[in-house]
């Protein structure tokens, strides 16, 4: 077992497919909109760590995944200590976007495997060896707007509203802290939306770069009320399916809404 479908990953241990793949698989099982993808399980990482290069069987699996998904692709690390109930490891592992071509795909996979034992990830683990690092090979969405939404307030634990943060461009801008997002509160009781616009002079391109936003758009709302409500509705569907409060990353390609990550909210014990 090496290459899996997303839904297959939902039922497997985090040590095999990692937290990110399990979360995406559960979203797919719930029938929520997730870009199609495949999971290269942790056995491939073990072979890479042993041999210092990708095994032939894994190169064949990658070519098969690319043929079925099409270009461009994203390679996203999915580690055993990432996006699980007691810790998230958000931002500690690597992703590579905009991949086209079998050679570039193999290089992206090797980059993510090497980064899993790099300084940043090692510091997070407390010098423990990397273990259970799988990869999600996923069809890339050309995100024009993106963000993260919380089914409950991650600080106070209040559950009267879904909190939605959104930016122009790629959601990496929020994760990195380089872009201040608009914030929307969508009430659970009646779906009403309260919006707070942010000044957004730049957007993230998803490949580590920032691009300037035209002055007339810097204070424009990222989401209309109905779009914020759509995001909130999917987040509540995910919460019901997971049986616990969640935070969900999302993006819009034109009017098409996709969910690209789901994890338990790990800060609630601190607010209790």
C-alpha atoms as a PDB file:
ATOM      1  CA  UNK A   1       0.000   0.000   0.000  1.00  0.00           C
ATOM      2  CA  UNK A   2       1.550   3.288  -1.114  1.00  0.00           C
ATOM      3  CA  UNK A   3      -0.764   5.354  -3.317  1.00  0.00           C
ATOM      4  CA  UNK A   4      -4.276   5.885  -1.935  1.00  0.00           C
ATOM      5  CA  UNK A   5      -7.395   7.836  -2.784  1.00  0.00           C
ATOM      6  CA  UNK A   6      -8.406  10.598  -0.398  1.00  0.00           C
ATOM      7  CA  UNK A   7     -11.433   8.696   0.873  1.00  0.00           C
ATOM      8  CA  UNK A   8      -9.258   5.658   1.593  1.00  0.00           C
ATOM      9  CA  UNK A   9      -7.060   7.817   3.831  1.00  0.00           C
ATOM     10  CA  UNK A  10      -9.951   8.791   6.110  1.00  0.00           C
ATOM     11  CA  UNK A  11     -10.029   5.422   7.868  1.00  0.00           C
ATOM     12  CA  UNK A  12      -6.275   4.892   8.224  1.00  0.00           C
ATOM     13  CA  UNK A  13      -4.056   5.813  11.209  1.00  0.00           C
ATOM     14  CA  UNK A  14      -2.241   9.138  11.211  1.00  0.00           C
ATOM     15  CA  UNK A  15       1.044   7.205  11.342  1.00  0.00           C
ATOM     16  CA  UNK A  16       0.259   5.915   7.851  1.00  0.00           C
ATOM     17  CA  UNK A  17      -1.297   8.901   6.063  1.00  0.00           C
ATOM     18  CA  UNK A  18      -0.811  11.874   8.403  1.00  0.00           C
ATOM     19  CA  UNK A  19      -3.342  14.296   9.811  1.00  0.00           C
ATOM     20  CA  UNK A  20      -3.879  16.441   6.734  1.00  0.00           C
ATOM     21  CA  UNK A  21      -4.759  13.498   4.489  1.00  0.00           C
ATOM     22  CA  UNK A  22      -7.134  12.073   7.107  1.00  0.00           C
ATOM     23  CA  UNK A  23      -8.912  15.426   7.413  1.00  0.00           C
ATOM     24  CA  UNK A  24      -9.278  15.827   3.657  1.00  0.00           C
ATOM     25  CA  UNK A  25     -10.458  12.243   3.358  1.00  0.00           C
ATOM     26  CA  UNK A  26     -13.149  12.787   5.961  1.00  0.00           C
ATOM     27  CA  UNK A  27     -14.325  15.926   4.164  1.00  0.00           C
ATOM     28  CA  UNK A  28     -14.550  13.929   0.933  1.00  0.00           C
ATOM     29  CA  UNK A  29     -16.479  11.154   2.713  1.00  0.00           C
ATOM     30  CA  UNK A  30     -18.978  13.772   3.893  1.00  0.00           C
ATOM     31  CA  UNK A  31     -19.546  14.834   0.294  1.00  0.00           C
ATOM     32  CA  UNK A  32     -18.023  18.267   0.817  1.00  0.00           C
ATOM     33  CA  UNK A  33     -16.145  19.975  -2.048  1.00  0.00           C
ATOM     34  CA  UNK A  34     -12.491  18.869  -1.915  1.00  0.00           C
ATOM     35  CA  UNK A  35     -10.097  19.035  -4.897  1.00  0.00           C
ATOM     36  CA  UNK A  36      -9.320  15.547  -6.119  1.00  0.00           C
ATOM     37  CA  UNK A  37      -6.086  14.043  -4.847  1.00  0.00           C
ATOM     38  CA  UNK A  38      -4.015  11.000  -3.988  1.00  0.00           C
ATOM     39  CA  UNK A  39      -2.017  10.157  -0.876  1.00  0.00           C
ATOM     40  CA  UNK A  40       1.551   8.845  -0.952  1.00  0.00           C
ATOM     41  CA  UNK A  41       1.675   7.059   2.388  1.00  0.00           C
ATOM     42  CA  UNK A  42       4.426   7.155   5.011  1.00  0.00           C
ATOM     43  CA  UNK A  43       6.078   3.993   3.683  1.00  0.00           C
ATOM     44  CA  UNK A  44       7.381   6.053   0.748  1.00  0.00           C
ATOM     45  CA  UNK A  45       9.061   8.449   3.171  1.00  0.00           C
ATOM     46  CA  UNK A  46      10.649   5.531   5.031  1.00  0.00           C
ATOM     47  CA  UNK A  47      12.106   4.230   1.765  1.00  0.00           C
ATOM     48  CA  UNK A  48      13.396   7.698   0.898  1.00  0.00           C
ATOM     49  CA  UNK A  49      15.010   8.061   4.328  1.00  0.00           C
ATOM     50  CA  UNK A  50      16.674   4.671   3.930  1.00  0.00           C
ATOM     51  CA  UNK A  51      17.919   5.075   0.345  1.00  0.00           C
ATOM     52  CA  UNK A  52      18.310   8.851  -0.027  1.00  0.00           C
ATOM     53  CA  UNK A  53      16.212   8.781  -3.207  1.00  0.00           C
ATOM     54  CA  UNK A  54      12.684   7.966  -4.292  1.00  0.00           C
ATOM     55  CA  UNK A  55      12.061   4.288  -4.940  1.00  0.00           C
ATOM     56  CA  UNK A  56      11.090   3.215  -8.449  1.00  0.00           C
ATOM     57  CA  UNK A  57       7.699   2.051  -7.222  1.00  0.00           C
ATOM     58  CA  UNK A  58       7.025   5.502  -5.780  1.00  0.00           C
ATOM     59  CA  UNK A  59       8.077   7.228  -8.995  1.00  0.00           C
ATOM     60  CA  UNK A  60       5.618   4.988 -10.850  1.00  0.00           C
ATOM     61  CA  UNK A  61       2.880   5.850  -8.362  1.00  0.00           C
ATOM     62  CA  UNK A  62       3.563   9.572  -8.779  1.00  0.00           C
ATOM     63  CA  UNK A  63       3.338   9.294 -12.557  1.00  0.00           C
ATOM     64  CA  UNK A  64       0.055   7.416 -12.164  1.00  0.00           C
ATOM     65  CA  UNK A  65      -1.317  10.099  -9.843  1.00  0.00           C
ATOM     66  CA  UNK A  66      -0.336  12.880 -12.234  1.00  0.00           C
ATOM     67  CA  UNK A  67      -1.911  11.093 -15.184  1.00  0.00           C
ATOM     68  CA  UNK A  68      -5.229  10.769 -13.372  1.00  0.00           C
ATOM     69  CA  UNK A  69      -5.284  14.249 -11.796  1.00  0.00           C
ATOM     70  CA  UNK A  70      -3.721  16.449 -14.487  1.00  0.00           C
ATOM     71  CA  UNK A  71      -1.498  19.507 -14.114  1.00  0.00           C
ATOM     72  CA  UNK A  72      -0.885  21.740 -12.218  1.00  0.00           C
ATOM     73  CA  UNK A  73      -0.554  19.882  -8.953  1.00  0.00           C
ATOM     74  CA  UNK A  74       0.236  20.704  -5.356  1.00  0.00           C
ATOM     75  CA  UNK A  75       2.304  18.477  -3.065  1.00  0.00           C
ATOM     76  CA  UNK A  76       1.342  18.938   0.585  1.00  0.00           C
ATOM     77  CA  UNK A  77       3.042  17.309   3.559  1.00  0.00           C
ATOM     78  CA  UNK A  78       0.793  15.247   5.823  1.00  0.00           C
ATOM     79  CA  UNK A  79       2.632  14.240   8.996  1.00  0.00           C
ATOM     80  CA  UNK A  80       1.512  12.078  11.888  1.00  0.00           C
ATOM     81  CA  UNK A  81       1.802  15.046  14.291  1.00  0.00           C
ATOM     82  CA  UNK A  82      -0.068  17.458  12.015  1.00  0.00           C
ATOM     83  CA  UNK A  83      -3.760  18.419  12.192  1.00  0.00           C
ATOM     84  CA  UNK A  84      -4.607  15.975  14.980  1.00  0.00           C
ATOM     85  CA  UNK A  85      -6.692  16.513  18.101  1.00  0.00           C
ATOM     86  CA  UNK A  86      -3.941  17.458  20.550  1.00  0.00           C
ATOM     87  CA  UNK A  87      -1.675  19.531  18.266  1.00  0.00           C
ATOM     88  CA  UNK A  88      -1.790  20.986  14.789  1.00  0.00           C
ATOM     89  CA  UNK A  89       1.853  21.524  13.672  1.00  0.00           C
ATOM     90  CA  UNK A  90       0.425  24.142  11.312  1.00  0.00           C
ATOM     91  CA  UNK A  91       3.129  25.630   9.113  1.00  0.00           C
ATOM     92  CA  UNK A  92       5.866  23.244  10.322  1.00  0.00           C
ATOM     93  CA  UNK A  93       5.935  21.108   7.174  1.00  0.00           C
ATOM     94  CA  UNK A  94       6.315  22.038   3.511  1.00  0.00           C
ATOM     95  CA  UNK A  95       4.014  22.311   0.523  1.00  0.00           C
ATOM     96  CA  UNK A  96       4.957  22.959  -3.102  1.00  0.00           C
ATOM     97  CA  UNK A  97       2.458  24.530  -5.498  1.00  0.00           C
ATOM     98  CA  UNK A  98       2.224  24.990  -9.253  1.00  0.00           C
ATOM     99  CA  UNK A  99       3.855  21.702 -10.237  1.00  0.00           C
ATOM    100  CA  UNK A 100       3.841  20.670 -13.903  1.00  0.00           C
ATOM    101  CA  UNK A 101       5.791  17.686 -15.232  1.00  0.00           C
ATOM    102  CA  UNK A 102       6.921  14.374 -13.770  1.00  0.00           C
ATOM    103  CA  UNK A 103      10.424  15.628 -12.981  1.00  0.00           C
ATOM    104  CA  UNK A 104       9.092  18.656 -11.104  1.00  0.00           C
ATOM    105  CA  UNK A 105       6.683  16.408  -9.210  1.00  0.00           C
ATOM    106  CA  UNK A 106       9.472  14.072  -8.075  1.00  0.00           C
ATOM    107  CA  UNK A 107      11.590  17.071  -7.038  1.00  0.00           C
ATOM    108  CA  UNK A 108       8.696  18.509  -5.020  1.00  0.00           C
ATOM    109  CA  UNK A 109       8.190  15.206  -3.216  1.00  0.00           C
ATOM    110  CA  UNK A 110      11.897  14.990  -2.364  1.00  0.00           C
ATOM    111  CA  UNK A 111      11.863  18.603  -1.143  1.00  0.00           C
ATOM    112  CA  UNK A 112       8.969  17.895   1.236  1.00  0.00           C
ATOM    113  CA  UNK A 113      10.609  14.742   2.559  1.00  0.00           C
ATOM    114  CA  UNK A 114      13.883  16.557   3.221  1.00  0.00           C
ATOM    115  CA  UNK A 115      12.097  19.478   4.861  1.00  0.00           C
ATOM    116  CA  UNK A 116      10.380  17.067   7.253  1.00  0.00           C
ATOM    117  CA  UNK A 117      13.742  16.602   8.938  1.00  0.00           C
ATOM    118  CA  UNK A 118      14.829  20.235   8.550  1.00  0.00           C
ATOM    119  CA  UNK A 119      15.522  22.702  11.329  1.00  0.00           C
ATOM    120  CA  UNK A 120      12.006  24.128  11.583  1.00  0.00           C
ATOM    121  CA  UNK A 121      10.211  20.789  11.760  1.00  0.00           C
ATOM    122  CA  UNK A 122      12.891  19.341  14.065  1.00  0.00           C
ATOM    123  CA  UNK A 123      12.539  22.260  16.476  1.00  0.00           C
ATOM    124  CA  UNK A 124       8.786  21.693  16.610  1.00  0.00           C
ATOM    125  CA  UNK A 125       9.250  17.993  17.322  1.00  0.00           C
ATOM    126  CA  UNK A 126      11.896  18.618  19.998  1.00  0.00           C
ATOM    127  CA  UNK A 127      14.612  16.806  18.034  1.00  0.00           C
ATOM    128  CA  UNK A 128      12.566  13.650  17.639  1.00  0.00           C
ATOM    129  CA  UNK A 129      13.032  11.933  14.291  1.00  0.00           C
ATOM    130  CA  UNK A 130      10.467  12.615  11.587  1.00  0.00           C
ATOM    131  CA  UNK A 131       7.954   9.796  11.523  1.00  0.00           C
ATOM    132  CA  UNK A 132       4.855   9.036   9.559  1.00  0.00           C
ATOM    133  CA  UNK A 133       5.334  11.722   6.878  1.00  0.00           C
ATOM    134  CA  UNK A 134       2.905  11.122   4.026  1.00  0.00           C
ATOM    135  CA  UNK A 135       2.150  13.460   1.124  1.00  0.00           C
ATOM    136  CA  UNK A 136      -1.079  14.634  -0.472  1.00  0.00           C
ATOM    137  CA  UNK A 137      -0.745  14.969  -4.258  1.00  0.00           C
ATOM    138  CA  UNK A 138      -3.664  17.212  -5.132  1.00  0.00           C
ATOM    139  CA  UNK A 139      -5.119  19.030  -8.090  1.00  0.00           C
ATOM    140  CA  UNK A 140      -4.244  22.678  -7.564  1.00  0.00           C
ATOM    141  CA  UNK A 141      -7.065  25.202  -7.420  1.00  0.00           C
ATOM    142  CA  UNK A 142      -6.345  28.608  -8.939  1.00  0.00           C
ATOM    143  CA  UNK A 143      -7.406  30.466  -5.788  1.00  0.00           C
ATOM    144  CA  UNK A 144      -8.489  34.081  -6.252  1.00  0.00           C
ATOM    145  CA  UNK A 145      -9.767  34.410  -2.671  1.00  0.00           C
ATOM    146  CA  UNK A 146      -9.035  32.203   0.302  1.00  0.00           C
ATOM    147  CA  UNK A 147      -9.183  31.959   4.038  1.00  0.00           C
ATOM    148  CA  UNK A 148      -9.786  29.987   7.188  1.00  0.00           C
ATOM    149  CA  UNK A 149     -12.998  29.539   9.166  1.00  0.00           C
ATOM    150  CA  UNK A 150     -13.615  28.353  12.727  1.00  0.00           C
ATOM    151  CA  UNK A 151     -16.812  26.625  13.776  1.00  0.00           C
ATOM    152  CA  UNK A 152     -16.368  28.114  17.266  1.00  0.00           C
ATOM    153  CA  UNK A 153     -14.288  30.994  18.560  1.00  0.00           C
ATOM    154  CA  UNK A 154     -10.806  29.427  18.975  1.00  0.00           C
ATOM    155  CA  UNK A 155      -9.934  31.770  21.852  1.00  0.00           C
ATOM    156  CA  UNK A 156     -13.090  31.950  23.947  1.00  0.00           C
ATOM    157  CA  UNK A 157     -14.820  28.763  22.785  1.00  0.00           C
ATOM    158  CA  UNK A 158     -18.050  30.718  22.118  1.00  0.00           C
ATOM    159  CA  UNK A 159     -20.212  28.776  19.696  1.00  0.00           C
ATOM    160  CA  UNK A 160     -22.823  31.342  18.690  1.00  0.00           C
ATOM    161  CA  UNK A 161     -21.156  32.139  15.362  1.00  0.00           C
ATOM    162  CA  UNK A 162     -18.786  30.778  12.738  1.00  0.00           C
ATOM    163  CA  UNK A 163     -15.719  33.010  12.379  1.00  0.00           C
ATOM    164  CA  UNK A 164     -14.471  33.455   8.816  1.00  0.00           C
ATOM    165  CA  UNK A 165     -11.205  35.164   7.835  1.00  0.00           C
ATOM    166  CA  UNK A 166     -10.577  35.845   4.150  1.00  0.00           C
ATOM    167  CA  UNK A 167      -8.024  37.499   1.882  1.00  0.00           C
ATOM    168  CA  UNK A 168      -7.517  38.063  -1.804  1.00  0.00           C
ATOM    169  CA  UNK A 169      -5.175  35.590  -3.437  1.00  0.00           C
ATOM    170  CA  UNK A 170      -3.904  32.508  -1.654  1.00  0.00           C
ATOM    171  CA  UNK A 171      -4.560  31.610   1.990  1.00  0.00           C
ATOM    172  CA  UNK A 172      -0.823  31.418   2.676  1.00  0.00           C
ATOM    173  CA  UNK A 173      -1.038  35.165   3.371  1.00  0.00           C
ATOM    174  CA  UNK A 174      -3.138  34.496   6.481  1.00  0.00           C
ATOM    175  CA  UNK A 175      -1.068  31.535   7.689  1.00  0.00           C
ATOM    176  CA  UNK A 176       2.188  33.486   7.371  1.00  0.00           C
ATOM    177  CA  UNK A 177       0.707  36.585   9.019  1.00  0.00           C
ATOM    178  CA  UNK A 178       1.761  38.760   6.066  1.00  0.00           C
ATOM    179  CA  UNK A 179      -1.793  39.789   5.148  1.00  0.00           C
ATOM    180  CA  UNK A 180      -4.441  41.032   7.584  1.00  0.00           C
ATOM    181  CA  UNK A 181      -7.724  39.345   6.648  1.00  0.00           C
ATOM    182  CA  UNK A 182     -11.283  40.566   6.526  1.00  0.00           C
ATOM    183  CA  UNK A 183     -13.270  39.021   9.370  1.00  0.00           C
ATOM    184  CA  UNK A 184     -16.868  37.818   9.195  1.00  0.00           C
ATOM    185  CA  UNK A 185     -19.097  36.491  11.973  1.00  0.00           C
ATOM    186  CA  UNK A 186     -21.910  34.284  10.689  1.00  0.00           C
ATOM    187  CA  UNK A 187     -24.509  33.714  13.402  1.00  0.00           C
ATOM    188  CA  UNK A 188     -25.594  30.117  13.890  1.00  0.00           C
ATOM    189  CA  UNK A 189     -29.091  31.156  14.928  1.00  0.00           C
ATOM    190  CA  UNK A 190     -30.159  33.023  11.817  1.00  0.00           C
ATOM    191  CA  UNK A 191     -27.204  33.116   9.395  1.00  0.00           C
ATOM    192  CA  UNK A 192     -26.794  36.874   9.712  1.00  0.00           C
ATOM    193  CA  UNK A 193     -23.348  38.216   8.804  1.00  0.00           C
ATOM    194  CA  UNK A 194     -21.278  40.903  10.483  1.00  0.00           C
ATOM    195  CA  UNK A 195     -18.265  41.998   8.440  1.00  0.00           C
ATOM    196  CA  UNK A 196     -15.106  43.872   9.347  1.00  0.00           C
ATOM    197  CA  UNK A 197     -12.975  44.939   6.404  1.00  0.00           C
ATOM    198  CA  UNK A 198      -9.196  45.066   6.647  1.00  0.00           C
ATOM    199  CA  UNK A 199      -6.669  47.124   4.722  1.00  0.00           C
ATOM    200  CA  UNK A 200      -5.084  44.606   2.320  1.00  0.00           C
ATOM    201  CA  UNK A 201      -2.287  46.212   0.265  1.00  0.00           C
ATOM    202  CA  UNK A 202      -0.870  42.872  -0.914  1.00  0.00           C
ATOM    203  CA  UNK A 203      -1.930  39.307  -1.657  1.00  0.00           C
ATOM    204  CA  UNK A 204      -0.073  36.012  -1.529  1.00  0.00           C
ATOM    205  CA  UNK A 205       0.529  34.167  -4.790  1.00  0.00           C
ATOM    206  CA  UNK A 206       0.797  30.778  -3.050  1.00  0.00           C
ATOM    207  CA  UNK A 207       4.405  30.327  -4.115  1.00  0.00           C
ATOM    208  CA  UNK A 208       6.069  32.382  -1.423  1.00  0.00           C
ATOM    209  CA  UNK A 209       5.607  35.753  -3.114  1.00  0.00           C
ATOM    210  CA  UNK A 210       3.457  38.828  -2.521  1.00  0.00           C
ATOM    211  CA  UNK A 211       1.797  40.978  -5.160  1.00  0.00           C
ATOM    212  CA  UNK A 212       0.429  44.496  -4.782  1.00  0.00           C
ATOM    213  CA  UNK A 213      -3.326  45.054  -4.849  1.00  0.00           C
ATOM    214  CA  UNK A 214      -4.698  48.034  -6.752  1.00  0.00           C
ATOM    215  CA  UNK A 215      -5.431  50.923  -4.347  1.00  0.00           C
ATOM    216  CA  UNK A 216      -9.164  50.895  -5.087  1.00  0.00           C
ATOM    217  CA  UNK A 217      -9.409  47.220  -3.993  1.00  0.00           C
ATOM    218  CA  UNK A 218      -7.358  47.403  -0.811  1.00  0.00           C
ATOM    219  CA  UNK A 219     -10.397  48.106   1.380  1.00  0.00           C
ATOM    220  CA  UNK A 220     -12.867  46.107  -0.715  1.00  0.00           C
ATOM    221  CA  UNK A 221     -14.668  43.220   0.951  1.00  0.00           C
ATOM    222  CA  UNK A 222     -13.253  39.836   0.051  1.00  0.00           C
ATOM    223  CA  UNK A 223     -16.569  37.998   0.546  1.00  0.00           C
ATOM    224  CA  UNK A 224     -20.169  38.989   0.036  1.00  0.00           C
ATOM    225  CA  UNK A 225     -22.592  38.077   2.814  1.00  0.00           C
ATOM    226  CA  UNK A 226     -23.940  35.115   0.846  1.00  0.00           C
ATOM    227  CA  UNK A 227     -20.408  33.810   0.234  1.00  0.00           C
ATOM    228  CA  UNK A 228     -19.486  34.074   3.914  1.00  0.00           C
ATOM    229  CA  UNK A 229     -22.704  32.203   4.712  1.00  0.00           C
ATOM    230  CA  UNK A 230     -21.797  29.479   2.185  1.00  0.00           C
ATOM    231  CA  UNK A 231     -18.428  29.012   3.849  1.00  0.00           C
ATOM    232  CA  UNK A 232     -20.049  28.887   7.298  1.00  0.00           C
ATOM    233  CA  UNK A 233     -22.582  26.297   6.139  1.00  0.00           C
ATOM    234  CA  UNK A 234     -19.838  23.957   4.933  1.00  0.00           C
ATOM    235  CA  UNK A 235     -17.856  24.461   8.136  1.00  0.00           C
ATOM    236  CA  UNK A 236     -20.884  23.473  10.214  1.00  0.00           C
ATOM    237  CA  UNK A 237     -21.361  20.425   7.988  1.00  0.00           C
ATOM    238  CA  UNK A 238     -17.734  19.519   8.703  1.00  0.00           C
ATOM    239  CA  UNK A 239     -18.197  20.048  12.445  1.00  0.00           C
ATOM    240  CA  UNK A 240     -21.187  17.714  12.471  1.00  0.00           C
ATOM    241  CA  UNK A 241     -19.282  15.117  10.471  1.00  0.00           C
ATOM    242  CA  UNK A 242     -16.174  15.304  12.644  1.00  0.00           C
ATOM    243  CA  UNK A 243     -18.176  15.447  15.861  1.00  0.00           C
ATOM    244  CA  UNK A 244     -16.046  18.281  17.241  1.00  0.00           C
ATOM    245  CA  UNK A 245     -15.225  21.959  16.582  1.00  0.00           C
ATOM    246  CA  UNK A 246     -13.021  22.402  13.521  1.00  0.00           C
ATOM    247  CA  UNK A 247     -11.128  24.972  11.578  1.00  0.00           C
ATOM    248  CA  UNK A 248     -11.298  24.712   7.820  1.00  0.00           C
ATOM    249  CA  UNK A 249      -9.189  26.282   5.093  1.00  0.00           C
ATOM    250  CA  UNK A 250     -11.094  27.229   1.955  1.00  0.00           C
ATOM    251  CA  UNK A 251     -10.630  28.983  -1.352  1.00  0.00           C
ATOM    252  CA  UNK A 252     -12.701  30.385  -4.177  1.00  0.00           C
ATOM    253  CA  UNK A 253     -11.827  29.907  -7.834  1.00  0.00           C
ATOM    254  CA  UNK A 254     -14.211  32.437  -9.382  1.00  0.00           C
ATOM    255  CA  UNK A 255     -17.518  31.445  -7.719  1.00  0.00           C
ATOM    256  CA  UNK A 256     -16.484  27.836  -7.056  1.00  0.00           C
ATOM    257  CA  UNK A 257     -15.855  27.122  -3.368  1.00  0.00           C
ATOM    258  CA  UNK A 258     -13.394  24.428  -2.260  1.00  0.00           C
ATOM    259  CA  UNK A 259     -12.308  23.119   1.136  1.00  0.00           C
ATOM    260  CA  UNK A 260      -8.577  22.392   1.227  1.00  0.00           C
ATOM    261  CA  UNK A 261      -7.893  21.464   4.856  1.00  0.00           C
ATOM    262  CA  UNK A 262      -9.751  20.561   8.038  1.00  0.00           C
ATOM    263  CA  UNK A 263      -8.367  20.074  11.523  1.00  0.00           C
ATOM    264  CA  UNK A 264      -9.682  19.960  15.087  1.00  0.00           C
ATOM    265  CA  UNK A 265      -9.412  23.235  16.966  1.00  0.00           C
ATOM    266  CA  UNK A 266      -6.602  22.497  19.418  1.00  0.00           C
ATOM    267  CA  UNK A 267      -6.750  25.685  21.522  1.00  0.00           C
ATOM    268  CA  UNK A 268     -10.070  25.108  23.262  1.00  0.00           C
ATOM    269  CA  UNK A 269      -8.583  23.310  26.265  1.00  0.00           C
ATOM    270  CA  UNK A 270      -6.548  26.441  26.972  1.00  0.00           C
ATOM    271  CA  UNK A 271      -9.694  28.601  26.987  1.00  0.00           C
ATOM    272  CA  UNK A 272     -11.602  26.252  29.316  1.00  0.00           C
END
